[in-house]
N, C-alpha and C. Protein backbone atom coordinates (compact mmCIF):
# COMPACT_ATOMS: atom_id res chain seq x y z
N MET A 1 113.29 28.12 180.82
CA MET A 1 112.52 27.64 181.97
C MET A 1 111.05 28.00 181.77
N PRO A 2 110.11 27.05 181.93
CA PRO A 2 108.70 27.35 181.73
C PRO A 2 108.18 28.27 182.82
N PRO A 3 107.19 29.15 182.51
CA PRO A 3 106.62 30.02 183.53
C PRO A 3 105.98 29.23 184.65
N ASP A 4 106.07 29.73 185.85
CA ASP A 4 105.45 29.09 187.01
C ASP A 4 104.10 29.75 187.24
N PRO A 5 102.99 29.06 186.95
CA PRO A 5 101.67 29.68 187.06
C PRO A 5 101.25 29.99 188.48
N THR A 6 101.96 29.50 189.48
CA THR A 6 101.60 29.79 190.87
C THR A 6 102.22 31.09 191.36
N LYS A 7 103.16 31.65 190.59
CA LYS A 7 103.92 32.81 191.08
C LYS A 7 103.02 34.01 191.36
N SER A 8 102.09 34.31 190.43
CA SER A 8 101.21 35.46 190.60
C SER A 8 100.29 35.28 191.80
N MET A 9 99.73 34.06 191.97
CA MET A 9 98.82 33.84 193.08
C MET A 9 99.53 33.93 194.42
N GLU A 10 100.78 33.48 194.48
CA GLU A 10 101.55 33.61 195.70
C GLU A 10 101.73 35.08 196.07
N LEU A 11 102.03 35.91 195.04
CA LEU A 11 102.16 37.34 195.29
C LEU A 11 100.85 37.94 195.79
N LEU A 12 99.74 37.49 195.18
CA LEU A 12 98.45 38.08 195.49
C LEU A 12 97.99 37.80 196.91
N THR A 13 98.29 36.62 197.42
CA THR A 13 97.73 36.19 198.70
C THR A 13 98.72 36.21 199.86
N SER A 14 99.97 36.54 199.62
CA SER A 14 100.97 36.46 200.68
C SER A 14 100.84 37.60 201.68
N PRO A 15 101.24 37.37 202.94
CA PRO A 15 101.24 38.45 203.93
C PRO A 15 102.11 39.63 203.49
N GLY A 16 103.24 39.33 202.84
CA GLY A 16 104.10 40.40 202.36
C GLY A 16 103.41 41.29 201.35
N GLN A 17 102.60 40.68 200.49
CA GLN A 17 101.83 41.45 199.50
C GLN A 17 100.86 42.39 200.20
N ARG A 18 100.13 41.87 201.16
CA ARG A 18 99.16 42.71 201.88
C ARG A 18 99.86 43.86 202.58
N GLN A 19 101.02 43.59 203.17
CA GLN A 19 101.76 44.64 203.86
C GLN A 19 102.23 45.72 202.89
N ARG A 20 102.71 45.29 201.72
CA ARG A 20 103.17 46.27 200.73
C ARG A 20 102.02 47.16 200.26
N ILE A 21 100.84 46.58 200.05
CA ILE A 21 99.69 47.36 199.63
C ILE A 21 99.29 48.35 200.73
N GLU A 22 99.29 47.89 201.98
CA GLU A 22 98.94 48.78 203.09
C GLU A 22 99.92 49.94 203.21
N LEU A 23 101.21 49.65 203.05
CA LEU A 23 102.21 50.72 203.12
C LEU A 23 102.04 51.70 201.97
N SER A 24 101.72 51.18 200.79
CA SER A 24 101.49 52.06 199.65
C SER A 24 100.29 52.95 199.88
N HIS A 25 99.20 52.40 200.38
CA HIS A 25 98.02 53.22 200.68
C HIS A 25 98.35 54.29 201.72
N ALA A 26 99.16 53.94 202.69
CA ALA A 26 99.56 54.93 203.70
C ALA A 26 100.35 56.06 203.06
N ARG A 27 101.24 55.73 202.11
CA ARG A 27 102.00 56.79 201.42
C ARG A 27 101.05 57.70 200.64
N CYS A 28 100.03 57.11 200.01
CA CYS A 28 99.06 57.91 199.26
C CYS A 28 98.31 58.86 200.18
N ARG A 29 97.89 58.36 201.34
CA ARG A 29 97.18 59.23 202.29
C ARG A 29 98.10 60.33 202.79
N ASP A 30 99.38 60.01 203.02
CA ASP A 30 100.33 61.03 203.47
C ASP A 30 100.50 62.13 202.42
N LEU A 31 100.32 61.78 201.16
CA LEU A 31 100.40 62.77 200.08
C LEU A 31 99.12 63.59 199.95
N GLY A 32 98.11 63.25 200.76
CA GLY A 32 96.83 63.96 200.70
C GLY A 32 95.97 63.54 199.52
N MET A 33 96.21 62.35 199.00
CA MET A 33 95.50 61.88 197.82
C MET A 33 94.08 61.45 198.20
N ASP A 34 93.11 61.81 197.37
CA ASP A 34 91.71 61.45 197.57
C ASP A 34 91.39 60.24 196.71
N ALA A 35 90.99 59.14 197.33
CA ALA A 35 90.71 57.90 196.60
C ALA A 35 89.57 58.06 195.60
N ARG A 36 88.73 59.07 195.80
CA ARG A 36 87.56 59.25 194.93
C ARG A 36 87.85 60.20 193.76
N ARG A 37 89.06 60.71 193.67
CA ARG A 37 89.33 61.71 192.64
C ARG A 37 89.28 61.10 191.24
N ALA A 38 88.99 61.95 190.28
CA ALA A 38 88.93 61.52 188.88
C ALA A 38 90.34 61.30 188.34
N PRO A 39 90.49 60.46 187.30
CA PRO A 39 91.82 60.25 186.71
C PRO A 39 92.43 61.56 186.20
N ASN A 40 93.73 61.67 186.38
CA ASN A 40 94.48 62.85 185.93
C ASN A 40 95.08 62.56 184.56
N PHE A 41 94.69 63.36 183.56
CA PHE A 41 95.15 63.14 182.18
C PHE A 41 96.30 64.05 181.80
N SER A 42 96.92 64.71 182.77
CA SER A 42 98.02 65.64 182.47
C SER A 42 99.16 64.90 181.77
N SER A 43 99.72 65.53 180.75
CA SER A 43 100.82 64.93 179.99
C SER A 43 101.88 65.98 179.73
N PRO A 44 103.10 65.58 179.40
CA PRO A 44 104.18 66.55 179.18
C PRO A 44 103.93 67.38 177.92
N SER A 45 104.59 68.51 177.87
CA SER A 45 104.52 69.33 176.66
C SER A 45 105.20 68.59 175.51
N ALA A 46 105.02 69.09 174.30
CA ALA A 46 105.62 68.44 173.13
C ALA A 46 107.14 68.37 173.27
N GLY A 47 107.75 69.45 173.76
CA GLY A 47 109.20 69.47 173.93
C GLY A 47 109.66 68.50 174.99
N GLN A 48 108.96 68.45 176.12
CA GLN A 48 109.30 67.52 177.19
C GLN A 48 109.14 66.07 176.73
N TRP A 49 108.09 65.81 175.96
CA TRP A 49 107.84 64.45 175.48
C TRP A 49 108.94 63.99 174.53
N ARG A 50 109.42 64.89 173.68
CA ARG A 50 110.53 64.54 172.78
C ARG A 50 111.77 64.14 173.58
N LEU A 51 112.05 64.87 174.66
CA LEU A 51 113.21 64.55 175.49
C LEU A 51 113.04 63.19 176.17
N VAL A 52 111.82 62.92 176.66
CA VAL A 52 111.55 61.63 177.30
C VAL A 52 111.79 60.49 176.31
N LEU A 53 111.30 60.65 175.08
CA LEU A 53 111.46 59.61 174.07
C LEU A 53 112.92 59.44 173.66
N GLU A 54 113.64 60.55 173.56
CA GLU A 54 115.06 60.48 173.19
C GLU A 54 115.86 59.74 174.26
N ARG A 55 115.58 60.03 175.53
CA ARG A 55 116.32 59.38 176.62
C ARG A 55 116.03 57.88 176.68
N SER A 56 114.88 57.48 176.22
CA SER A 56 114.48 56.07 176.33
C SER A 56 114.54 55.32 175.01
N GLU A 57 115.22 55.89 174.01
CA GLU A 57 115.21 55.30 172.67
C GLU A 57 115.67 53.84 172.67
N SER A 58 116.79 53.55 173.33
CA SER A 58 117.32 52.19 173.34
C SER A 58 116.37 51.24 174.05
N LEU A 59 115.84 51.66 175.18
CA LEU A 59 114.90 50.82 175.93
C LEU A 59 113.67 50.51 175.09
N ARG A 60 113.11 51.50 174.43
CA ARG A 60 111.91 51.31 173.61
C ARG A 60 112.19 50.36 172.45
N ARG A 61 113.31 50.54 171.79
CA ARG A 61 113.64 49.71 170.64
C ARG A 61 113.77 48.25 171.05
N LEU A 62 114.39 47.99 172.20
CA LEU A 62 114.54 46.63 172.68
C LEU A 62 113.23 46.04 173.19
N ALA A 63 112.40 46.88 173.78
CA ALA A 63 111.21 46.38 174.48
C ALA A 63 110.03 46.11 173.56
N VAL A 64 109.82 46.93 172.55
CA VAL A 64 108.58 46.81 171.76
C VAL A 64 108.39 45.43 171.13
N PRO A 65 109.42 44.82 170.49
CA PRO A 65 109.20 43.46 169.96
C PRO A 65 108.85 42.44 171.05
N VAL A 66 109.47 42.59 172.21
CA VAL A 66 109.19 41.67 173.33
C VAL A 66 107.76 41.90 173.84
N MET A 67 107.33 43.16 173.88
CA MET A 67 105.97 43.48 174.31
C MET A 67 104.94 42.87 173.36
N THR A 68 105.23 42.93 172.07
CA THR A 68 104.31 42.37 171.08
C THR A 68 104.17 40.86 171.26
N LEU A 69 105.29 40.19 171.49
CA LEU A 69 105.25 38.74 171.72
C LEU A 69 104.52 38.42 173.02
N LEU A 70 104.78 39.20 174.06
CA LEU A 70 104.10 38.98 175.34
C LEU A 70 102.60 39.13 175.18
N HIS A 71 102.18 40.14 174.43
CA HIS A 71 100.75 40.34 174.26
C HIS A 71 100.09 39.18 173.52
N ARG A 72 100.80 38.60 172.57
CA ARG A 72 100.24 37.43 171.87
C ARG A 72 99.95 36.28 172.83
N GLN A 73 100.78 36.18 173.88
CA GLN A 73 100.61 35.09 174.84
C GLN A 73 99.42 35.29 175.77
N ILE A 74 98.94 36.54 175.87
CA ILE A 74 97.81 36.85 176.75
C ILE A 74 96.69 37.53 175.97
N ALA A 75 96.62 37.27 174.67
CA ALA A 75 95.77 38.04 173.77
C ALA A 75 94.29 37.98 174.13
N ARG A 76 93.84 36.91 174.77
CA ARG A 76 92.41 36.78 175.09
C ARG A 76 92.07 37.29 176.48
N ALA A 77 92.97 37.98 177.11
CA ALA A 77 92.79 38.35 178.51
C ALA A 77 92.29 39.78 178.71
N ARG A 78 91.81 40.46 177.65
CA ARG A 78 91.33 41.85 177.78
C ARG A 78 92.36 42.68 178.54
N SER A 79 93.52 42.85 177.91
CA SER A 79 94.63 43.47 178.62
C SER A 79 95.53 44.24 177.67
N MET A 80 96.53 44.87 178.25
CA MET A 80 97.53 45.62 177.49
C MET A 80 98.88 45.46 178.15
N VAL A 81 99.93 45.59 177.34
CA VAL A 81 101.30 45.57 177.84
C VAL A 81 101.80 47.01 177.82
N ILE A 82 102.45 47.41 178.91
CA ILE A 82 102.87 48.80 179.08
C ILE A 82 104.36 48.86 179.38
N LEU A 83 105.04 49.82 178.76
CA LEU A 83 106.44 50.12 179.08
C LEU A 83 106.49 51.54 179.62
N THR A 84 107.17 51.71 180.75
CA THR A 84 107.37 53.06 181.30
C THR A 84 108.86 53.34 181.45
N ASP A 85 109.19 54.61 181.65
CA ASP A 85 110.56 54.96 181.99
C ASP A 85 110.75 54.84 183.49
N SER A 86 111.90 55.27 183.97
CA SER A 86 112.22 55.10 185.40
C SER A 86 111.42 56.02 186.31
N ALA A 87 110.71 56.99 185.73
CA ALA A 87 109.86 57.88 186.52
C ALA A 87 108.41 57.45 186.51
N GLY A 88 108.09 56.39 185.75
CA GLY A 88 106.72 55.92 185.68
C GLY A 88 105.91 56.50 184.55
N CYS A 89 106.55 57.23 183.63
CA CYS A 89 105.85 57.80 182.48
C CYS A 89 105.67 56.71 181.42
N ILE A 90 104.46 56.53 180.94
CA ILE A 90 104.19 55.50 179.93
C ILE A 90 104.84 55.88 178.61
N LEU A 91 105.67 54.97 178.07
CA LEU A 91 106.37 55.20 176.81
C LEU A 91 105.68 54.54 175.64
N GLU A 92 105.25 53.28 175.84
CA GLU A 92 104.65 52.50 174.76
C GLU A 92 103.57 51.60 175.35
N THR A 93 102.56 51.30 174.53
CA THR A 93 101.54 50.33 174.91
C THR A 93 101.23 49.42 173.74
N VAL A 94 100.92 48.17 174.05
CA VAL A 94 100.46 47.20 173.06
C VAL A 94 99.26 46.50 173.69
N GLY A 95 98.13 46.46 172.98
CA GLY A 95 96.99 45.83 173.61
C GLY A 95 95.81 45.60 172.71
N ASP A 96 94.77 44.99 173.29
CA ASP A 96 93.51 44.76 172.58
C ASP A 96 92.82 46.10 172.36
N ALA A 97 92.31 46.31 171.16
CA ALA A 97 91.69 47.59 170.81
C ALA A 97 90.56 47.95 171.78
N GLN A 98 89.73 46.96 172.13
CA GLN A 98 88.61 47.24 173.03
C GLN A 98 89.09 47.64 174.42
N PHE A 99 90.09 46.92 174.93
CA PHE A 99 90.57 47.27 176.26
C PHE A 99 91.33 48.60 176.24
N LEU A 100 92.06 48.89 175.17
CA LEU A 100 92.76 50.17 175.07
C LEU A 100 91.79 51.33 175.19
N GLN A 101 90.59 51.19 174.65
CA GLN A 101 89.59 52.25 174.78
C GLN A 101 89.17 52.42 176.23
N GLN A 102 88.99 51.31 176.94
CA GLN A 102 88.68 51.38 178.37
C GLN A 102 89.82 52.01 179.14
N ALA A 103 91.05 51.62 178.80
CA ALA A 103 92.23 52.11 179.51
C ALA A 103 92.39 53.61 179.37
N GLU A 104 92.06 54.14 178.20
CA GLU A 104 92.20 55.58 177.98
C GLU A 104 91.30 56.38 178.92
N LYS A 105 90.21 55.79 179.38
CA LYS A 105 89.29 56.48 180.29
C LYS A 105 89.90 56.71 181.66
N VAL A 106 90.94 55.90 182.00
CA VAL A 106 91.63 56.09 183.28
C VAL A 106 93.08 56.54 183.04
N ALA A 107 93.32 57.13 181.89
CA ALA A 107 94.62 57.74 181.55
C ALA A 107 95.74 56.74 181.41
N LEU A 108 95.43 55.53 180.95
CA LEU A 108 96.47 54.53 180.68
C LEU A 108 96.89 54.67 179.22
N SER A 109 97.69 55.69 178.95
CA SER A 109 98.12 55.94 177.58
C SER A 109 99.47 56.64 177.59
N ALA A 110 100.13 56.66 176.45
CA ALA A 110 101.49 57.20 176.34
C ALA A 110 101.55 58.64 176.82
N GLY A 111 102.63 58.92 177.56
CA GLY A 111 102.86 60.27 178.06
C GLY A 111 102.31 60.54 179.44
N ILE A 112 101.52 59.62 179.99
CA ILE A 112 100.88 59.84 181.29
C ILE A 112 101.74 59.26 182.41
N ASP A 113 101.78 59.99 183.52
CA ASP A 113 102.57 59.60 184.69
C ASP A 113 101.80 58.57 185.51
N TRP A 114 102.38 57.35 185.65
CA TRP A 114 101.79 56.33 186.50
C TRP A 114 102.69 55.99 187.69
N SER A 115 103.41 57.00 188.15
CA SER A 115 104.12 56.84 189.41
C SER A 115 103.09 56.75 190.53
N GLU A 116 103.52 56.31 191.70
CA GLU A 116 102.60 56.22 192.83
C GLU A 116 102.09 57.60 193.22
N ALA A 117 102.95 58.61 193.13
CA ALA A 117 102.52 59.97 193.47
C ALA A 117 101.50 60.50 192.46
N GLY A 118 101.57 59.98 191.23
CA GLY A 118 100.65 60.45 190.20
C GLY A 118 99.33 59.71 190.16
N LYS A 119 99.36 58.39 190.42
CA LYS A 119 98.15 57.58 190.26
C LYS A 119 97.84 56.72 191.47
N GLY A 120 98.48 56.97 192.59
CA GLY A 120 98.20 56.17 193.77
C GLY A 120 98.77 54.77 193.65
N THR A 121 98.34 53.89 194.52
CA THR A 121 98.82 52.50 194.51
C THR A 121 98.48 51.86 193.17
N ASN A 122 99.51 51.46 192.45
CA ASN A 122 99.34 50.73 191.20
C ASN A 122 100.63 49.96 190.97
N ALA A 123 100.59 48.94 190.13
CA ALA A 123 101.75 48.05 190.01
C ALA A 123 102.98 48.80 189.51
N ILE A 124 102.81 49.70 188.55
CA ILE A 124 103.96 50.43 188.00
C ILE A 124 104.61 51.29 189.06
N GLY A 125 103.83 52.18 189.64
CA GLY A 125 104.39 53.12 190.62
C GLY A 125 104.93 52.45 191.86
N THR A 126 104.22 51.43 192.35
CA THR A 126 104.66 50.75 193.56
C THR A 126 105.89 49.89 193.30
N ALA A 127 105.99 49.30 192.09
CA ALA A 127 107.21 48.55 191.73
C ALA A 127 108.42 49.47 191.70
N LEU A 128 108.25 50.70 191.25
CA LEU A 128 109.37 51.65 191.21
C LEU A 128 109.83 52.02 192.62
N ILE A 129 108.91 52.12 193.55
CA ILE A 129 109.28 52.46 194.92
C ILE A 129 109.90 51.26 195.64
N ASP A 130 109.26 50.11 195.54
CA ASP A 130 109.74 48.92 196.25
C ASP A 130 110.87 48.19 195.52
N LYS A 131 111.03 48.50 194.21
CA LYS A 131 112.06 47.84 193.39
C LYS A 131 111.88 46.32 193.38
N LEU A 132 110.62 45.91 193.28
CA LEU A 132 110.26 44.49 193.29
C LEU A 132 109.13 44.22 192.30
N PRO A 133 109.02 42.98 191.81
CA PRO A 133 107.81 42.64 191.04
C PRO A 133 106.58 42.93 191.89
N THR A 134 105.56 43.51 191.25
CA THR A 134 104.42 44.01 192.01
C THR A 134 103.12 43.65 191.32
N LEU A 135 102.17 43.15 192.09
CA LEU A 135 100.84 42.83 191.60
C LEU A 135 99.83 43.64 192.42
N VAL A 136 98.97 44.38 191.71
CA VAL A 136 97.91 45.15 192.37
C VAL A 136 96.59 44.75 191.73
N HIS A 137 95.71 44.18 192.54
CA HIS A 137 94.49 43.54 192.02
C HIS A 137 93.25 44.27 192.51
N GLY A 138 92.42 44.71 191.56
CA GLY A 138 91.12 45.26 191.89
C GLY A 138 91.16 46.38 192.92
N GLU A 139 90.49 46.15 194.05
CA GLU A 139 90.36 47.19 195.07
C GLU A 139 91.65 47.47 195.82
N GLN A 140 92.72 46.74 195.52
CA GLN A 140 94.01 47.08 196.10
C GLN A 140 94.54 48.41 195.54
N HIS A 141 94.06 48.82 194.36
CA HIS A 141 94.41 50.14 193.84
C HIS A 141 93.86 51.22 194.78
N PHE A 142 94.63 52.27 194.97
CA PHE A 142 94.17 53.32 195.89
C PHE A 142 93.01 54.10 195.28
N LEU A 143 93.12 54.47 194.02
CA LEU A 143 92.07 55.25 193.39
C LEU A 143 90.91 54.35 192.98
N GLN A 144 89.72 54.74 193.36
CA GLN A 144 88.54 53.93 193.07
C GLN A 144 88.32 53.76 191.57
N ALA A 145 88.72 54.74 190.78
CA ALA A 145 88.55 54.67 189.33
C ALA A 145 89.31 53.49 188.73
N ASN A 146 90.33 53.00 189.45
CA ASN A 146 91.17 51.92 188.93
C ASN A 146 90.80 50.54 189.49
N HIS A 147 89.72 50.45 190.24
CA HIS A 147 89.38 49.19 190.89
C HIS A 147 89.01 48.09 189.89
N PHE A 148 88.68 48.44 188.66
CA PHE A 148 88.33 47.40 187.68
C PHE A 148 89.57 46.75 187.07
N LEU A 149 90.76 47.23 187.44
CA LEU A 149 92.01 46.76 186.85
C LEU A 149 92.73 45.73 187.71
N THR A 150 93.51 44.88 187.06
CA THR A 150 94.57 44.13 187.71
C THR A 150 95.86 44.44 186.97
N CYS A 151 96.90 44.83 187.71
CA CYS A 151 98.16 45.25 187.10
C CYS A 151 99.31 44.43 187.68
N SER A 152 100.17 43.94 186.80
CA SER A 152 101.34 43.16 187.20
C SER A 152 102.57 43.80 186.57
N ALA A 153 103.58 44.12 187.36
CA ALA A 153 104.72 44.88 186.85
C ALA A 153 106.04 44.34 187.38
N VAL A 154 107.07 44.46 186.55
CA VAL A 154 108.42 44.05 186.91
C VAL A 154 109.38 45.18 186.54
N PRO A 155 110.27 45.59 187.45
CA PRO A 155 111.27 46.61 187.10
C PRO A 155 112.23 46.09 186.04
N LEU A 156 112.70 47.00 185.20
CA LEU A 156 113.73 46.70 184.19
C LEU A 156 115.03 47.33 184.66
N TRP A 157 116.09 46.54 184.67
CA TRP A 157 117.35 46.97 185.27
C TRP A 157 118.41 47.27 184.22
N ARG A 158 119.13 48.37 184.43
CA ARG A 158 120.31 48.67 183.62
C ARG A 158 121.49 47.86 184.15
N PRO A 159 122.55 47.74 183.33
CA PRO A 159 123.74 47.00 183.79
C PRO A 159 124.38 47.57 185.05
N ASP A 160 124.21 48.89 185.29
CA ASP A 160 124.82 49.49 186.48
C ASP A 160 123.98 49.31 187.74
N GLY A 161 122.85 48.59 187.62
CA GLY A 161 122.02 48.33 188.78
C GLY A 161 120.92 49.34 189.01
N SER A 162 120.81 50.36 188.18
CA SER A 162 119.72 51.32 188.30
C SER A 162 118.52 50.85 187.50
N ILE A 163 117.36 51.40 187.81
CA ILE A 163 116.13 51.01 187.12
C ILE A 163 115.98 51.80 185.83
N ALA A 164 115.79 51.08 184.72
CA ALA A 164 115.59 51.73 183.43
C ALA A 164 114.12 52.06 183.20
N GLY A 165 113.24 51.26 183.77
CA GLY A 165 111.81 51.45 183.58
C GLY A 165 111.04 50.29 184.17
N VAL A 166 109.82 50.12 183.70
CA VAL A 166 108.95 49.05 184.21
C VAL A 166 108.22 48.42 183.03
N LEU A 167 108.11 47.09 183.06
CA LEU A 167 107.27 46.36 182.11
C LEU A 167 106.04 45.88 182.87
N ASP A 168 104.87 46.18 182.33
CA ASP A 168 103.62 45.94 183.05
C ASP A 168 102.58 45.32 182.13
N VAL A 169 101.76 44.45 182.68
CA VAL A 169 100.55 44.00 182.01
C VAL A 169 99.37 44.44 182.86
N THR A 170 98.47 45.19 182.24
CA THR A 170 97.27 45.65 182.92
C THR A 170 96.05 45.15 182.16
N GLY A 171 95.09 44.63 182.89
CA GLY A 171 93.87 44.14 182.26
C GLY A 171 92.68 44.27 183.18
N HIS A 172 91.53 43.86 182.66
CA HIS A 172 90.34 43.86 183.50
C HIS A 172 90.50 42.79 184.57
N GLN A 173 90.16 43.14 185.80
CA GLN A 173 90.41 42.21 186.91
C GLN A 173 89.68 40.88 186.75
N SER A 174 88.58 40.86 186.02
CA SER A 174 87.83 39.62 185.85
C SER A 174 88.53 38.64 184.92
N SER A 175 89.50 39.12 184.13
CA SER A 175 90.19 38.24 183.19
C SER A 175 91.65 38.01 183.57
N TYR A 176 91.95 38.21 184.85
CA TYR A 176 93.32 38.03 185.36
C TYR A 176 93.82 36.61 185.14
N LEU A 177 95.02 36.47 184.60
CA LEU A 177 95.62 35.16 184.35
C LEU A 177 96.69 34.87 185.40
N ARG A 178 96.67 33.66 185.96
CA ARG A 178 97.59 33.33 187.04
C ARG A 178 99.05 33.34 186.61
N HIS A 179 99.32 33.07 185.34
CA HIS A 179 100.71 32.96 184.90
C HIS A 179 101.27 34.28 184.36
N THR A 180 100.53 35.37 184.49
CA THR A 180 100.95 36.64 183.89
C THR A 180 102.30 37.10 184.42
N MET A 181 102.47 37.07 185.73
CA MET A 181 103.71 37.59 186.31
C MET A 181 104.93 36.82 185.81
N ALA A 182 104.79 35.50 185.69
CA ALA A 182 105.91 34.69 185.21
C ALA A 182 106.27 35.08 183.78
N LEU A 183 105.27 35.36 182.94
CA LEU A 183 105.53 35.77 181.56
C LEU A 183 106.20 37.14 181.51
N ILE A 184 105.76 38.06 182.37
CA ILE A 184 106.38 39.39 182.41
C ILE A 184 107.83 39.28 182.87
N ASP A 185 108.06 38.45 183.88
CA ASP A 185 109.41 38.28 184.41
C ASP A 185 110.35 37.76 183.34
N LEU A 186 109.89 36.80 182.54
CA LEU A 186 110.70 36.26 181.45
C LEU A 186 110.96 37.34 180.39
N SER A 187 109.93 38.12 180.06
CA SER A 187 110.08 39.19 179.07
C SER A 187 111.04 40.27 179.58
N ALA A 188 110.96 40.59 180.87
CA ALA A 188 111.87 41.59 181.44
C ALA A 188 113.31 41.11 181.39
N THR A 189 113.53 39.80 181.57
CA THR A 189 114.87 39.25 181.47
C THR A 189 115.44 39.43 180.06
N ILE A 190 114.61 39.18 179.05
CA ILE A 190 115.05 39.36 177.67
C ILE A 190 115.44 40.81 177.41
N ILE A 191 114.63 41.74 177.87
CA ILE A 191 114.93 43.17 177.68
C ILE A 191 116.20 43.54 178.45
N GLY A 192 116.31 43.04 179.68
CA GLY A 192 117.51 43.33 180.48
C GLY A 192 118.77 42.81 179.84
N ASN A 193 118.70 41.61 179.25
CA ASN A 193 119.86 41.08 178.54
C ASN A 193 120.26 41.99 177.39
N GLY A 194 119.25 42.52 176.69
CA GLY A 194 119.53 43.45 175.60
C GLY A 194 120.19 44.73 176.07
N LEU A 195 119.78 45.23 177.22
CA LEU A 195 120.39 46.44 177.77
C LEU A 195 121.85 46.20 178.14
N VAL A 196 122.16 44.98 178.61
CA VAL A 196 123.55 44.64 178.92
C VAL A 196 124.40 44.63 177.66
N VAL A 197 123.90 43.95 176.63
CA VAL A 197 124.66 43.83 175.38
C VAL A 197 124.91 45.20 174.75
N GLU A 198 123.93 46.11 174.87
CA GLU A 198 124.06 47.41 174.23
C GLU A 198 124.66 48.48 175.15
N ALA A 199 125.09 48.11 176.34
CA ALA A 199 125.65 49.08 177.27
C ALA A 199 126.87 49.76 176.67
N PRO A 200 127.00 51.08 176.83
CA PRO A 200 128.18 51.77 176.29
C PRO A 200 129.44 51.40 177.05
N GLY A 201 130.57 51.56 176.38
CA GLY A 201 131.85 51.27 177.02
C GLY A 201 132.44 49.97 176.51
N ALA A 202 133.66 49.70 176.94
CA ALA A 202 134.39 48.51 176.48
C ALA A 202 134.00 47.33 177.35
N LEU A 203 132.92 46.65 176.98
CA LEU A 203 132.45 45.51 177.74
C LEU A 203 132.67 44.22 176.97
N VAL A 204 133.02 43.18 177.67
CA VAL A 204 133.07 41.85 177.09
C VAL A 204 131.93 41.05 177.73
N CYS A 205 130.98 40.59 176.91
CA CYS A 205 129.82 39.86 177.41
C CYS A 205 130.04 38.37 177.27
N LEU A 206 129.95 37.65 178.37
CA LEU A 206 130.08 36.21 178.37
C LEU A 206 128.73 35.58 178.67
N SER A 207 128.30 34.66 177.83
CA SER A 207 127.06 33.92 178.06
C SER A 207 127.42 32.52 178.53
N PHE A 208 126.79 32.07 179.62
CA PHE A 208 127.12 30.74 180.11
C PHE A 208 125.92 30.07 180.75
N HIS A 209 125.93 28.76 180.72
CA HIS A 209 124.89 27.96 181.35
C HIS A 209 125.41 26.53 181.45
N ALA A 210 124.96 25.84 182.49
CA ALA A 210 125.38 24.45 182.66
C ALA A 210 124.91 23.57 181.51
N ARG A 211 123.84 24.00 180.84
CA ARG A 211 123.34 23.26 179.68
C ARG A 211 123.57 24.09 178.42
N PRO A 212 124.46 23.66 177.53
CA PRO A 212 124.77 24.45 176.33
C PRO A 212 123.54 24.76 175.48
N ASP A 213 122.53 23.90 175.50
CA ASP A 213 121.34 24.14 174.67
C ASP A 213 120.53 25.34 175.16
N LEU A 214 120.81 25.82 176.36
CA LEU A 214 120.10 26.98 176.88
C LEU A 214 120.86 28.30 176.67
N LEU A 215 122.04 28.23 176.03
CA LEU A 215 122.71 29.45 175.62
C LEU A 215 121.85 30.15 174.56
N SER A 216 121.96 31.48 174.50
CA SER A 216 121.16 32.29 173.59
C SER A 216 119.67 32.21 173.91
N THR A 217 119.34 31.90 175.14
CA THR A 217 117.97 31.96 175.60
C THR A 217 117.94 32.86 176.84
N PRO A 218 116.75 33.29 177.30
CA PRO A 218 116.69 34.12 178.51
C PRO A 218 117.27 33.45 179.75
N ALA A 219 117.45 32.12 179.70
CA ALA A 219 117.98 31.40 180.87
C ALA A 219 119.49 31.47 181.00
N GLN A 220 120.17 32.06 179.99
CA GLN A 220 121.64 32.03 180.02
C GLN A 220 122.17 32.90 181.15
């Protein structure tokens, strides 16, 4: 199925989107978060980081090739593709070298916590709380340091219905692409299908579609 380029704009302008952003900002204020604070670069110890990577080995292996392909589709958008675990810790990034340098200034790098409690309203953290595709554009971010960003994120689901992590595209807000969310959603489906196939236990996987030519595609 081709991406729907209107999907991101509908998210950006809908009343439901505005309400979700307002609720997220309220949660940040309840946590005593200061919108003017500097980015937090705290990262796990070497031992903790090894455990995080070990727990996410299968997710990372499945996601990185998909992330690379996704980035090729948005390569001119001054952006990066981000994979996090279920706690919002960044596991992997793929992006433009110039934008990656900008991103590091606001702690958008491996090992950093981008949960809502860690970084305020942002697509990754808010998607984990709401369990929904999430778009956070410019000044919708709670922290002022992040106002130059636009972030689009989709939760990644395990076969048991729990969240495995988040797939996100973050870029400069001036180069936001309307079809980004649709591309992320398609990429998340591919990763989710891989998690189903590799699920432990005695599973029989059946692929089906009304159109046989769409078998072995994300639409199955």
